[in-house]
Amino acid sequence: LEEVALVDTVACRNFTTAAAAVATSTKTPIPAPPHPLYIMNKPKNCQCQRGVTPSVFDRVPAPYATDDLKCFGRLDQDTTGILLFGTDGGLQSLLTAPSSKIWKTYT
């Protein structure tokens, strides 16, 4: 993957839904799979798991808070930063598994 372009973004507080298009080396957009991707700016003192309070899942607006929604990775409770959410387990594995060798930068 060389580039990800976000189209049709709709902001709801600090939760954004994005229909993504991936550009190949020819810069031709390829439609994203039917799995939605969401981006959240994680606030401090929230945990990245379900069943605890406060949780990042408590901040997901009702229309998007489906049972199959997962957090791609996690941040410590006291850490703020960008989190990616989605329903595509394959993409989640690709982005978070050490064997995928996807570079992550923590600042």
Protein backbone atom coordinates (compact mmCIF):
# COMPACT_ATOMS: atom_id res chain seq x y z
CA LEU A 1 0.00 0.00 0.00
CA GLU A 2 1.34 3.38 -0.89
CA GLU A 3 -1.38 5.77 0.12
CA VAL A 4 -4.74 5.88 1.83
CA ALA A 5 -7.18 8.61 0.91
CA LEU A 6 -10.19 9.33 3.09
CA VAL A 7 -13.45 10.27 1.42
CA ASP A 8 -16.96 10.91 2.76
CA THR A 9 -15.82 11.69 6.29
CA VAL A 10 -18.42 12.59 8.90
CA ALA A 11 -17.31 13.82 12.31
CA CYS A 12 -19.26 13.08 15.48
CA ARG A 13 -17.45 14.61 18.47
CA ASN A 14 -14.04 12.93 18.47
CA PHE A 15 -15.23 9.90 16.45
CA THR A 16 -14.93 9.97 12.67
CA THR A 17 -16.28 7.51 10.15
CA ALA A 18 -14.44 7.30 6.87
CA ALA A 19 -15.13 5.43 3.67
CA ALA A 20 -11.57 4.77 2.59
CA ALA A 21 -10.13 4.38 -0.87
CA VAL A 22 -6.68 2.92 -1.37
CA ALA A 23 -4.54 4.34 -4.17
CA THR A 24 -2.21 2.04 -6.05
CA SER A 25 1.02 3.08 -7.72
CA THR A 26 -1.08 4.35 -10.65
CA LYS A 27 -3.05 6.50 -8.19
CA THR A 28 -6.28 4.79 -9.24
CA PRO A 29 -8.67 4.55 -6.26
CA ILE A 30 -9.72 1.06 -5.27
CA PRO A 31 -12.98 0.90 -3.28
CA ALA A 32 -12.51 -0.21 0.30
CA PRO A 33 -14.12 -3.43 1.49
CA PRO A 34 -17.60 -3.18 3.00
CA HIS A 35 -16.14 -3.01 6.49
CA PRO A 36 -16.32 0.45 8.04
CA LEU A 37 -13.22 2.05 9.57
CA TYR A 38 -13.41 4.61 12.36
CA ILE A 39 -10.83 6.90 13.89
CA MET A 40 -10.96 8.18 17.47
CA ASN A 41 -8.73 10.60 19.30
CA LYS A 42 -8.50 8.60 22.54
CA PRO A 43 -8.86 10.76 25.63
CA LYS A 44 -6.82 10.27 28.78
CA ASN A 45 -8.22 7.95 31.48
CA CYS A 46 -10.12 5.69 29.04
CA GLN A 47 -9.32 2.02 28.55
CA CYS A 48 -9.23 0.26 25.17
CA GLN A 49 -11.42 -2.69 26.14
CA ARG A 50 -15.08 -3.47 26.65
CA GLY A 51 -16.66 -4.13 30.03
CA VAL A 52 -14.65 -1.56 31.99
CA THR A 53 -15.45 2.03 32.84
CA PRO A 54 -14.48 4.38 31.41
CA SER A 55 -13.92 2.70 28.05
CA VAL A 56 -13.30 4.08 24.57
CA PHE A 57 -16.31 2.00 23.51
CA ASP A 58 -18.53 4.16 25.79
CA ARG A 59 -17.66 7.12 23.55
CA VAL A 60 -18.67 5.48 20.27
CA PRO A 61 -21.96 6.99 19.03
CA ALA A 62 -24.91 4.55 19.11
CA PRO A 63 -25.28 4.00 15.34
CA TYR A 64 -21.66 2.82 15.13
CA ALA A 65 -21.44 0.83 18.38
CA THR A 66 -21.98 -2.64 16.94
CA ASP A 67 -20.95 -5.84 18.73
CA ASP A 68 -18.40 -6.66 16.02
CA LEU A 69 -16.60 -3.30 16.35
CA LYS A 70 -13.02 -3.85 17.52
CA CYS A 71 -10.17 -1.56 18.47
CA PHE A 72 -7.10 -2.10 16.26
CA GLY A 73 -4.40 -2.08 18.89
CA ARG A 74 -4.59 -0.27 22.18
CA LEU A 75 -3.15 2.56 24.20
CA ASP A 76 -2.53 2.69 27.94
CA GLN A 77 -5.27 4.22 30.09
CA ASP A 78 -3.30 7.42 30.68
CA THR A 79 -2.20 7.79 27.04
CA THR A 80 -3.93 9.95 24.44
CA GLY A 81 -3.71 9.40 20.71
CA ILE A 82 -5.31 8.12 17.55
CA LEU A 83 -7.08 4.73 17.60
CA LEU A 84 -8.40 2.87 14.60
CA PHE A 85 -11.64 0.88 14.97
CA GLY A 86 -13.29 -1.46 12.50
CA THR A 87 -15.12 -4.68 11.83
CA ASP A 88 -12.55 -6.34 9.55
CA GLY A 89 -10.66 -8.92 11.62
CA GLY A 90 -8.26 -9.63 8.76
CA LEU A 91 -7.21 -5.99 8.54
CA GLN A 92 -6.90 -5.86 12.32
CA SER A 93 -4.57 -8.86 12.27
CA LEU A 94 -2.54 -7.38 9.43
CA LEU A 95 -2.04 -4.09 11.27
CA THR A 96 -1.38 -5.46 14.76
CA ALA A 97 0.37 -8.84 14.39
CA PRO A 98 4.13 -8.64 14.94
CA SER A 99 4.63 -11.03 12.00
CA SER A 100 3.16 -8.44 9.61
CA LYS A 101 6.12 -6.14 10.37
CA ILE A 102 3.94 -3.01 10.04
CA TRP A 103 5.89 -0.05 11.46
CA LYS A 104 4.23 1.84 14.28
CA THR A 105 5.46 5.10 15.72
CA TYR A 106 4.68 6.13 19.28
CA THR A 107 5.46 9.70 20.20
